[in-house]
Amino acid sequence: MLRLLKNFYVEILLVFLFMTLVVFFSSDSFLRFEWDVSWLSSFVSYGKLQNLATIFLSIFLEGLPFILIGVLVSSLIHEFVNENTLWKLTPKNPFLSIPMATLFGLILPICECGIVPIARRLIEKKLPVYTAFTFLLAAPIVNPVTIISTYIAFGDDWGITLTRLSLGAGIAVVMGFLFFLFFRNREVLRNNSHTCESDEMDDHCCSDHREHHTKHDTPKWKDKLNHALYHSIFEFMNMTKYFILGAFLASVFQTFVGFAAMKSMASHEWIAIIVMMGLAFGLSICSSSDAFIAASFRNAMGTAPLFAFLVYGPMMDLKNVLMMAGSFRASVIWFFWGGTTLLTIVSVICFL
């Protein structure tokens, strides 16, 4: 607990203050105090502040449970499931292994927050590059937590959920075959990729990991459970701050930009697609909760921009690029970014 407070005391304090203000403005408590806030009206009306706070709280409260579920499942899977057993059953033929890798997220439901270091470790253990990158792209979308959260976020709509799965799996398969064509005989890892820096946003801090295994060379299930819960707390704090930022920006868009302006932008489909992909990349929201952000734009944006956000974000975001920079060579990252971006644009335009 002390380490949690030490590492996240700034985030905890800011989140507490921010949520206090949001709850304050969203209720009628603000009106009970006879404060002179005439200066505030010169910038923004109280009605808009209350609307912003209400929209933010609705998005935040709907998505928060899925962040918690996602980090718990991811941490438990890492501690109790040996992914090496699964890879031993993977066919050597790329025409079989690449499509099969898109389904491994159903067994190993890991969001994009921890998928990059896992893919790196698997490549180090001689898993084919094309299989590892297919898994890296597909797992954040094709997993039970993301499926359920998307289904609930869009009002129990299986059509949107299955379309998201299909587009994500399709792009992952195409990228897998592209990696087979261009990188199957090339080195993709940096020489110094296995470092504490590259693992910092993985499932463990290196020092904690070494300390844990020094005391328990063969950890018992209770030790594994404690370690999973310990890690999930840190991961939850890390992911929540991204989700808060995303929910806040979505609320600002809807309150101050307005649906009319967003619909006008949505009429220019190319612009809307690029904007939504840019939001997905910059916000770096966990795939277990990003559907709630996308759903808040449902009445203002067209189908293609919404799916661009839903598909691109889990595959390619700022957080993942920074993690990849510590593990993979620059040529691999550029190829990964360019291919994923182009395929996402083509997919949402041609198939929606």
Protein backbone atom coordinates (compact mmCIF):
# COMPACT_ATOMS: atom_id res chain seq x y z
CA MET A 1 0.00 0.00 0.00
CA LEU A 2 2.87 2.37 0.82
CA ARG A 3 4.45 1.64 -2.56
CA LEU A 4 1.10 2.30 -4.25
CA LEU A 5 0.82 5.68 -2.54
CA LYS A 6 4.44 6.48 -3.35
CA ASN A 7 4.09 5.69 -7.06
CA PHE A 8 0.62 7.13 -7.63
CA TYR A 9 0.08 9.79 -4.97
CA VAL A 10 -0.10 12.55 -7.58
CA GLU A 11 -2.61 10.63 -9.70
CA ILE A 12 -4.70 9.69 -6.64
CA LEU A 13 -4.82 13.29 -5.43
CA LEU A 14 -5.70 14.71 -8.85
CA VAL A 15 -8.37 12.06 -9.46
CA PHE A 16 -9.89 12.72 -6.04
CA LEU A 17 -10.01 16.48 -6.60
CA PHE A 18 -11.32 16.09 -10.14
CA MET A 19 -14.07 13.64 -9.16
CA THR A 20 -15.08 15.88 -6.25
CA LEU A 21 -15.55 18.81 -8.62
CA VAL A 22 -17.44 16.68 -11.12
CA VAL A 23 -19.88 15.37 -8.51
CA PHE A 24 -20.25 18.89 -7.10
CA PHE A 25 -21.15 20.43 -10.46
CA SER A 26 -23.38 17.54 -11.54
CA SER A 27 -25.63 17.89 -8.49
CA ASP A 28 -27.65 20.80 -7.14
CA SER A 29 -25.18 21.31 -4.29
CA PHE A 30 -23.52 24.08 -6.28
CA LEU A 31 -26.72 26.11 -6.25
CA ARG A 32 -27.17 25.84 -2.47
CA PHE A 33 -24.10 27.98 -1.89
CA GLU A 34 -24.66 31.67 -2.48
CA TRP A 35 -21.24 32.32 -3.94
CA ASP A 36 -20.49 35.11 -6.35
CA VAL A 37 -19.48 33.19 -9.45
CA SER A 38 -20.39 35.84 -11.98
CA TRP A 39 -16.81 35.66 -13.25
CA LEU A 40 -17.47 32.06 -14.27
CA SER A 41 -20.36 32.97 -16.56
CA SER A 42 -18.01 35.02 -18.72
CA PHE A 43 -16.24 31.78 -19.63
CA VAL A 44 -18.96 29.13 -19.52
CA SER A 45 -22.51 28.81 -18.25
CA TYR A 46 -23.29 26.70 -15.22
CA GLY A 47 -25.74 24.69 -17.32
CA LYS A 48 -22.94 23.56 -19.62
CA LEU A 49 -20.73 22.67 -16.67
CA GLN A 50 -23.52 20.57 -15.21
CA ASN A 51 -24.11 18.91 -18.57
CA LEU A 52 -20.39 18.15 -18.95
CA ALA A 53 -20.22 16.66 -15.45
CA THR A 54 -23.32 14.53 -16.04
CA ILE A 55 -22.02 13.13 -19.34
CA PHE A 56 -18.61 12.46 -17.80
CA LEU A 57 -20.06 10.59 -14.82
CA SER A 58 -22.30 8.44 -17.02
CA ILE A 59 -19.34 7.37 -19.19
CA PHE A 60 -17.02 6.92 -16.21
CA LEU A 61 -19.39 4.86 -14.07
CA GLU A 62 -20.34 2.59 -16.98
CA GLY A 63 -16.76 1.88 -18.04
CA LEU A 64 -14.95 1.67 -14.69
CA PRO A 65 -16.13 -1.87 -13.78
CA PHE A 66 -14.77 -3.22 -17.06
CA ILE A 67 -11.34 -1.69 -16.42
CA LEU A 68 -11.31 -3.47 -13.07
CA ILE A 69 -12.45 -6.76 -14.61
CA GLY A 70 -9.91 -6.41 -17.40
CA VAL A 71 -6.89 -5.84 -15.17
CA LEU A 72 -7.94 -8.62 -12.77
CA VAL A 73 -8.38 -11.15 -15.56
CA SER A 74 -5.13 -10.10 -17.22
CA SER A 75 -3.16 -10.39 -13.96
CA LEU A 76 -4.69 -13.76 -13.05
CA ILE A 77 -4.05 -15.13 -16.52
CA HIS A 78 -0.41 -14.11 -16.38
CA GLU A 79 0.15 -15.78 -13.01
CA PHE A 80 -1.85 -18.98 -13.47
CA VAL A 81 -1.76 -19.75 -17.20
CA ASN A 82 1.42 -20.82 -18.95
CA GLU A 83 1.14 -19.39 -22.46
CA ASN A 84 4.00 -21.62 -23.63
CA THR A 85 1.69 -24.64 -23.49
CA LEU A 86 -0.65 -22.93 -25.94
CA TRP A 87 2.12 -22.03 -28.36
CA LYS A 88 3.38 -25.62 -28.42
CA LEU A 89 0.03 -26.58 -29.92
CA THR A 90 0.29 -23.91 -32.62
CA PRO A 91 0.74 -25.37 -36.14
CA LYS A 92 4.00 -24.63 -37.93
CA ASN A 93 2.16 -23.83 -41.16
CA PRO A 94 1.56 -20.05 -41.27
CA PHE A 95 -1.72 -20.53 -43.16
CA LEU A 96 -3.01 -22.32 -40.06
CA SER A 97 -1.11 -20.58 -37.26
CA ILE A 98 -1.97 -17.00 -38.29
CA PRO A 99 -5.78 -17.44 -38.28
CA MET A 100 -5.51 -19.53 -35.10
CA ALA A 101 -3.50 -16.80 -33.35
CA THR A 102 -6.44 -14.39 -33.71
CA LEU A 103 -8.47 -16.65 -31.39
CA PHE A 104 -5.89 -17.00 -28.62
CA GLY A 105 -7.25 -13.87 -26.96
CA LEU A 106 -10.35 -15.88 -26.06
CA ILE A 107 -8.11 -18.09 -23.91
CA LEU A 108 -5.61 -15.40 -22.88
CA PRO A 109 -7.81 -12.27 -22.51
CA ILE A 110 -5.03 -9.70 -22.21
CA CYS A 111 -5.66 -6.09 -23.19
CA GLU A 112 -3.17 -4.01 -25.14
CA CYS A 113 -1.72 -2.63 -21.91
CA GLY A 114 0.42 -5.74 -21.40
CA ILE A 115 0.43 -7.40 -24.80
CA VAL A 116 3.67 -5.90 -26.18
CA PRO A 117 6.03 -7.41 -23.57
CA ILE A 118 4.28 -10.77 -23.90
CA ALA A 119 4.75 -10.73 -27.68
CA ARG A 120 8.42 -9.85 -27.18
CA ARG A 121 8.96 -12.74 -24.76
CA LEU A 122 7.28 -15.18 -27.14
CA ILE A 123 9.52 -14.07 -30.02
CA GLU A 124 12.54 -14.53 -27.75
CA LYS A 125 11.29 -18.10 -27.19
CA LYS A 126 11.35 -18.63 -30.97
CA LEU A 127 7.66 -18.24 -31.68
CA PRO A 128 7.40 -17.10 -35.33
CA VAL A 129 7.29 -13.34 -35.69
CA TYR A 130 4.14 -13.41 -37.82
CA THR A 131 2.25 -15.47 -35.23
CA ALA A 132 3.32 -13.20 -32.36
CA PHE A 133 2.27 -10.01 -34.16
CA THR A 134 -1.06 -11.53 -35.18
CA PHE A 135 -1.71 -12.30 -31.52
CA LEU A 136 -0.53 -8.80 -30.52
CA LEU A 137 -3.06 -7.18 -32.85
CA ALA A 138 -6.03 -9.48 -32.31
CA ALA A 139 -5.95 -10.26 -28.57
CA PRO A 140 -7.06 -6.80 -27.31
CA ILE A 141 -10.22 -7.00 -29.46
CA VAL A 142 -10.96 -10.72 -29.71
CA ASN A 143 -11.27 -11.44 -26.00
CA PRO A 144 -14.25 -12.00 -23.67
CA VAL A 145 -13.92 -8.78 -21.64
CA THR A 146 -13.85 -6.55 -24.74
CA ILE A 147 -16.72 -8.48 -26.31
CA ILE A 148 -18.95 -8.06 -23.25
CA SER A 149 -18.06 -4.39 -22.72
CA THR A 150 -18.76 -3.55 -26.39
CA TYR A 151 -22.07 -5.40 -26.25
CA ILE A 152 -23.20 -3.51 -23.14
CA ALA A 153 -21.84 -0.11 -24.22
CA PHE A 154 -23.85 -0.16 -27.45
CA GLY A 155 -27.12 -1.23 -25.87
CA ASP A 156 -26.93 -5.00 -26.29
CA ASP A 157 -26.19 -4.71 -30.00
CA TRP A 158 -24.54 -7.89 -31.28
CA GLY A 159 -24.21 -6.39 -34.76
CA ILE A 160 -21.71 -3.74 -33.64
CA THR A 161 -19.90 -6.22 -31.40
CA LEU A 162 -19.44 -8.84 -34.11
CA THR A 163 -18.46 -6.23 -36.70
CA ARG A 164 -15.73 -4.96 -34.39
CA LEU A 165 -14.48 -8.52 -33.86
CA SER A 166 -14.52 -9.26 -37.59
CA LEU A 167 -12.65 -6.11 -38.58
CA GLY A 168 -10.06 -6.56 -35.82
CA ALA A 169 -9.46 -10.22 -36.63
CA GLY A 170 -9.33 -9.51 -40.37
CA ILE A 171 -6.72 -6.77 -40.01
CA ALA A 172 -4.67 -8.98 -37.67
CA VAL A 173 -4.69 -11.84 -40.19
CA VAL A 174 -3.62 -9.60 -43.09
CA MET A 175 -0.85 -8.05 -40.98
CA GLY A 176 0.23 -11.53 -39.92
CA PHE A 177 0.71 -12.59 -43.53
CA LEU A 178 2.53 -9.32 -44.30
CA PHE A 179 4.94 -10.04 -41.45
CA PHE A 180 5.36 -13.55 -42.86
CA LEU A 181 6.28 -12.10 -46.26
CA PHE A 182 8.66 -9.38 -45.07
CA PHE A 183 10.00 -10.33 -41.63
CA ARG A 184 10.00 -14.11 -41.26
CA ASN A 185 13.79 -14.31 -41.75
CA ARG A 186 14.71 -10.96 -40.23
CA GLU A 187 15.62 -9.94 -36.71
CA VAL A 188 12.86 -7.80 -35.21
CA LEU A 189 14.02 -7.37 -31.60
CA ARG A 190 16.42 -4.74 -30.40
CA ASN A 191 19.63 -6.10 -28.92
CA ASN A 192 18.90 -4.54 -25.53
CA SER A 193 15.15 -5.07 -25.59
CA HIS A 194 14.85 -7.11 -22.40
CA THR A 195 15.28 -4.39 -19.84
CA CYS A 196 13.43 -2.98 -16.87
CA GLU A 197 12.50 0.04 -18.98
CA SER A 198 10.75 -2.04 -21.61
CA ASP A 199 8.97 -4.07 -18.94
CA GLU A 200 7.90 -1.12 -16.83
CA MET A 201 4.39 -1.08 -18.25
CA ASP A 202 4.22 -4.87 -18.36
CA ASP A 203 2.83 -6.98 -15.63
CA HIS A 204 5.73 -6.52 -13.16
CA CYS A 205 8.37 -4.07 -12.13
CA CYS A 206 11.65 -5.94 -12.47
CA SER A 207 12.72 -5.35 -8.89
CA ASP A 208 9.41 -6.62 -7.54
CA HIS A 209 9.58 -9.61 -9.81
CA ARG A 210 13.08 -10.58 -8.69
CA GLU A 211 12.22 -10.07 -5.03
CA HIS A 212 9.12 -12.20 -5.38
CA HIS A 213 10.93 -15.11 -6.98
CA THR A 214 13.88 -14.91 -4.62
CA LYS A 215 11.56 -15.69 -1.77
CA HIS A 216 9.51 -18.22 -3.75
CA ASP A 217 11.39 -20.12 -6.43
CA THR A 218 8.24 -22.15 -7.06
CA PRO A 219 5.39 -19.86 -5.97
CA LYS A 220 2.33 -21.45 -4.42
CA TRP A 221 -1.12 -20.56 -5.64
CA LYS A 222 -1.63 -18.15 -2.72
CA ASP A 223 1.57 -16.34 -3.61
CA LYS A 224 0.51 -16.16 -7.24
CA LEU A 225 -2.91 -14.83 -6.24
CA ASN A 226 -1.37 -12.16 -4.01
CA HIS A 227 1.05 -11.18 -6.76
CA ALA A 228 -1.79 -10.96 -9.31
CA LEU A 229 -3.89 -8.78 -7.00
CA TYR A 230 -0.87 -6.62 -6.17
CA HIS A 231 -0.15 -6.02 -9.84
CA SER A 232 -3.81 -5.42 -10.71
CA ILE A 233 -3.93 -2.47 -8.27
CA PHE A 234 -1.05 -0.73 -10.05
CA GLU A 235 -2.46 -1.55 -13.47
CA PHE A 236 -5.91 -0.31 -12.44
CA MET A 237 -4.50 3.05 -11.33
CA ASN A 238 -2.47 3.36 -14.52
CA MET A 239 -5.39 2.54 -16.82
CA THR A 240 -7.97 4.61 -14.95
CA LYS A 241 -6.13 7.88 -15.58
CA TYR A 242 -6.24 7.25 -19.34
CA PHE A 243 -9.94 6.42 -19.15
CA ILE A 244 -10.68 9.56 -17.14
CA LEU A 245 -8.91 11.65 -19.78
CA GLY A 246 -10.89 9.95 -22.55
CA ALA A 247 -14.21 10.35 -20.77
CA PHE A 248 -13.45 14.00 -20.05
CA LEU A 249 -12.54 14.80 -23.66
CA ALA A 250 -15.65 13.00 -24.92
CA SER A 251 -17.73 15.09 -22.51
CA VAL A 252 -16.04 18.30 -23.64
CA PHE A 253 -16.68 17.45 -27.29
CA GLN A 254 -20.36 16.81 -26.68
CA THR A 255 -20.85 19.84 -24.42
CA PHE A 256 -18.85 22.60 -26.09
CA VAL A 257 -18.46 21.45 -29.70
CA GLY A 258 -22.03 20.19 -29.88
CA PHE A 259 -23.72 17.51 -31.91
CA ALA A 260 -24.43 19.87 -34.81
CA ALA A 261 -20.74 20.64 -35.31
CA MET A 262 -19.77 16.98 -34.91
CA LYS A 263 -22.42 15.92 -37.42
CA SER A 264 -21.08 18.53 -39.82
CA MET A 265 -17.60 17.05 -39.42
CA ALA A 266 -19.03 13.54 -39.78
CA SER A 267 -20.46 14.51 -43.18
CA HIS A 268 -16.83 14.65 -44.35
CA GLU A 269 -16.15 10.97 -43.72
CA TRP A 270 -12.41 11.09 -44.34
CA ILE A 271 -11.93 13.87 -41.81
CA ALA A 272 -14.11 12.15 -39.22
CA ILE A 273 -12.23 8.86 -39.62
CA ILE A 274 -8.83 10.53 -39.20
CA VAL A 275 -10.03 12.52 -36.17
CA MET A 276 -11.44 9.43 -34.43
CA MET A 277 -8.30 7.41 -35.17
CA GLY A 278 -6.20 10.28 -33.82
CA LEU A 279 -8.28 10.33 -30.64
CA ALA A 280 -7.92 6.57 -30.25
CA PHE A 281 -4.16 6.79 -30.74
CA GLY A 282 -3.61 9.71 -28.38
CA LEU A 283 -5.96 8.72 -25.58
CA SER A 284 -4.54 5.16 -25.30
CA ILE A 285 -7.67 3.87 -23.55
CA CYS A 286 -7.79 0.24 -22.48
CA SER A 287 -9.76 -1.96 -24.89
CA SER A 288 -11.92 -3.23 -22.03
CA SER A 289 -13.54 0.21 -21.67
CA ASP A 290 -13.00 2.18 -24.90
CA ALA A 291 -16.40 1.12 -26.25
CA PHE A 292 -18.09 3.41 -23.71
CA ILE A 293 -16.16 6.39 -25.08
CA ALA A 294 -17.09 5.44 -28.64
CA ALA A 295 -20.74 4.91 -27.71
CA SER A 296 -20.94 8.49 -26.42
CA PHE A 297 -20.30 9.67 -30.02
CA ARG A 298 -22.86 7.33 -31.54
CA ASN A 299 -25.48 10.00 -32.24
CA ALA A 300 -22.98 12.41 -33.77
CA MET A 301 -20.60 10.26 -35.80
CA GLY A 302 -21.19 7.91 -38.68
CA THR A 303 -20.56 4.18 -38.62
CA ALA A 304 -17.12 4.27 -40.24
CA PRO A 305 -15.55 6.82 -37.82
CA LEU A 306 -16.93 4.92 -34.81
CA PHE A 307 -15.43 1.64 -35.97
CA ALA A 308 -12.17 3.40 -36.84
CA PHE A 309 -11.97 4.36 -33.15
CA LEU A 310 -13.03 0.91 -31.91
CA VAL A 311 -10.63 -1.02 -34.14
CA TYR A 312 -7.58 1.25 -34.33
CA GLY A 313 -7.22 2.12 -30.65
CA PRO A 314 -6.65 -1.41 -29.30
CA MET A 315 -4.17 -2.16 -32.08
CA MET A 316 -2.18 1.06 -32.22
CA ASP A 317 -1.95 3.74 -29.55
CA LEU A 318 0.69 6.05 -28.14
CA LYS A 319 1.30 3.91 -25.08
CA ASN A 320 1.97 0.80 -27.15
CA VAL A 321 4.28 2.62 -29.56
CA LEU A 322 6.42 3.78 -26.64
CA MET A 323 6.53 0.22 -25.30
CA MET A 324 7.41 -1.18 -28.72
CA ALA A 325 10.23 1.34 -29.05
CA GLY A 326 11.95 -0.36 -26.12
CA SER A 327 11.58 -3.85 -27.61
CA PHE A 328 11.48 -3.76 -31.42
CA ARG A 329 13.57 -2.23 -34.16
CA ALA A 330 12.46 1.01 -35.79
CA SER A 331 11.74 -0.64 -39.16
CA VAL A 332 9.35 -3.07 -37.47
CA ILE A 333 7.51 -0.29 -35.65
CA TRP A 334 7.14 1.81 -38.80
CA PHE A 335 5.89 -1.20 -40.75
CA PHE A 336 3.48 -2.10 -37.95
CA TRP A 337 2.15 1.45 -37.68
CA GLY A 338 1.83 2.05 -41.42
CA GLY A 339 0.19 -1.29 -42.18
CA THR A 340 -2.27 -1.11 -39.30
CA THR A 341 -3.25 2.48 -40.08
CA LEU A 342 -3.76 1.87 -43.80
CA LEU A 343 -5.70 -1.37 -43.27
CA THR A 344 -7.97 0.27 -40.70
CA ILE A 345 -8.86 3.12 -43.07
CA VAL A 346 -9.46 0.76 -46.00
CA SER A 347 -11.52 -1.62 -43.85
CA VAL A 348 -13.91 0.93 -42.39
CA ILE A 349 -14.45 2.62 -45.76
CA CYS A 350 -14.84 -0.48 -47.93
CA PHE A 351 -16.74 -2.78 -45.59
CA LEU A 352 -19.06 -0.39 -43.75
